[in-house]
């Protein structure tokens, strides 16, 4: 029987892998942590638990996007505003 959450999990993994390219500690560090997190839960079969894990992954995506946006904002602010004012 095919897992109905398989597509969601693969989409989540690919999105996180893509976002991890700009991670402050490096892409290799992020990729290792991402793989270990997914491998830890690879044998999960409970649909409720899988749905919670996917929701947590979506939360992590939002947090990473916020982190990157803040980093870009700080760089732009630093570039265009005088720090002595």
Protein backbone atom coordinates (compact mmCIF):
# COMPACT_ATOMS: atom_id res chain seq x y z
CA UNK A 1 0.00 0.00 0.00
CA UNK A 2 1.37 3.40 -0.98
CA UNK A 3 1.71 6.01 1.71
CA UNK A 4 -0.62 8.97 1.03
CA UNK A 5 1.86 11.37 2.69
CA UNK A 6 4.79 10.37 0.48
CA UNK A 7 4.34 13.31 -1.89
CA UNK A 8 4.11 15.80 0.97
CA UNK A 9 7.22 14.41 2.64
CA UNK A 10 9.24 14.49 -0.59
CA UNK A 11 8.09 18.07 -1.32
CA UNK A 12 9.05 19.07 2.22
CA UNK A 13 12.50 17.48 1.92
CA UNK A 14 13.21 19.12 -1.44
CA UNK A 15 12.08 22.52 -0.20
CA UNK A 16 14.22 22.30 2.91
CA UNK A 17 17.18 21.09 0.87
CA UNK A 18 16.78 24.10 -1.43
CA UNK A 19 16.50 26.55 1.48
CA UNK A 20 19.51 24.98 3.18
CA UNK A 21 21.85 26.25 0.47
CA UNK A 22 22.05 29.66 2.17
CA UNK A 23 22.16 28.41 5.77
CA UNK A 24 24.60 30.48 7.88
CA UNK A 25 26.57 27.43 9.10
CA UNK A 26 26.91 26.03 5.60
CA UNK A 27 24.95 23.88 3.22
CA UNK A 28 26.80 20.69 4.14
CA UNK A 29 25.97 21.14 7.83
CA UNK A 30 22.31 21.76 7.03
CA UNK A 31 22.12 18.82 4.63
CA UNK A 32 23.52 16.45 7.26
CA UNK A 33 21.11 17.62 9.92
CA UNK A 34 18.19 17.45 7.49
CA UNK A 35 19.01 13.91 6.43
CA UNK A 36 19.40 12.70 10.00
CA UNK A 37 16.05 14.27 10.98
CA UNK A 38 14.26 12.57 8.11
CA UNK A 39 16.01 9.23 8.66
CA UNK A 40 15.08 9.29 12.34
CA UNK A 41 11.40 9.27 11.41
CA UNK A 42 11.55 7.11 8.28
CA UNK A 43 9.72 4.17 9.87
CA UNK A 44 6.79 6.22 11.15
CA UNK A 45 3.45 4.79 10.01
CA UNK A 46 0.90 6.62 12.17
CA UNK A 47 -0.91 9.15 9.89
CA UNK A 48 -1.48 11.60 12.74
CA UNK A 49 2.18 11.61 13.71
CA UNK A 50 3.26 11.99 10.08
CA UNK A 51 0.92 14.94 9.67
CA UNK A 52 2.40 16.58 12.80
CA UNK A 53 5.92 16.04 11.48
CA UNK A 54 5.00 17.58 8.12
CA UNK A 55 3.43 20.56 9.91
CA UNK A 56 6.62 20.98 11.93
CA UNK A 57 8.62 20.91 8.71
CA UNK A 58 6.41 23.63 7.24
CA UNK A 59 7.05 25.69 10.37
CA UNK A 60 10.80 25.24 9.90
CA UNK A 61 10.45 26.45 6.30
CA UNK A 62 8.73 29.62 7.49
CA UNK A 63 11.40 30.20 10.11
CA UNK A 64 14.21 29.78 7.57
CA UNK A 65 12.52 32.20 5.19
CA UNK A 66 12.20 34.73 8.02
CA UNK A 67 15.88 34.25 8.90
CA UNK A 68 16.96 34.86 5.31
CA UNK A 69 14.68 37.88 4.95
CA UNK A 70 16.07 39.40 8.14
CA UNK A 71 19.64 38.79 6.98
CA UNK A 72 18.92 40.52 3.65
CA UNK A 73 17.18 43.40 5.42
CA UNK A 74 20.15 43.94 7.73
CA UNK A 75 22.56 43.88 4.79
CA UNK A 76 20.50 46.47 2.89
CA UNK A 77 20.17 48.66 5.96
CA UNK A 78 23.90 48.47 6.60
CA UNK A 79 24.66 49.30 2.99
CA UNK A 80 22.39 52.34 2.62
CA UNK A 81 22.20 53.94 6.05
CA UNK A 82 24.97 55.64 7.93
CA UNK A 83 25.63 53.67 11.15
CA UNK A 84 26.76 56.82 13.00
CA UNK A 85 23.33 58.47 12.87
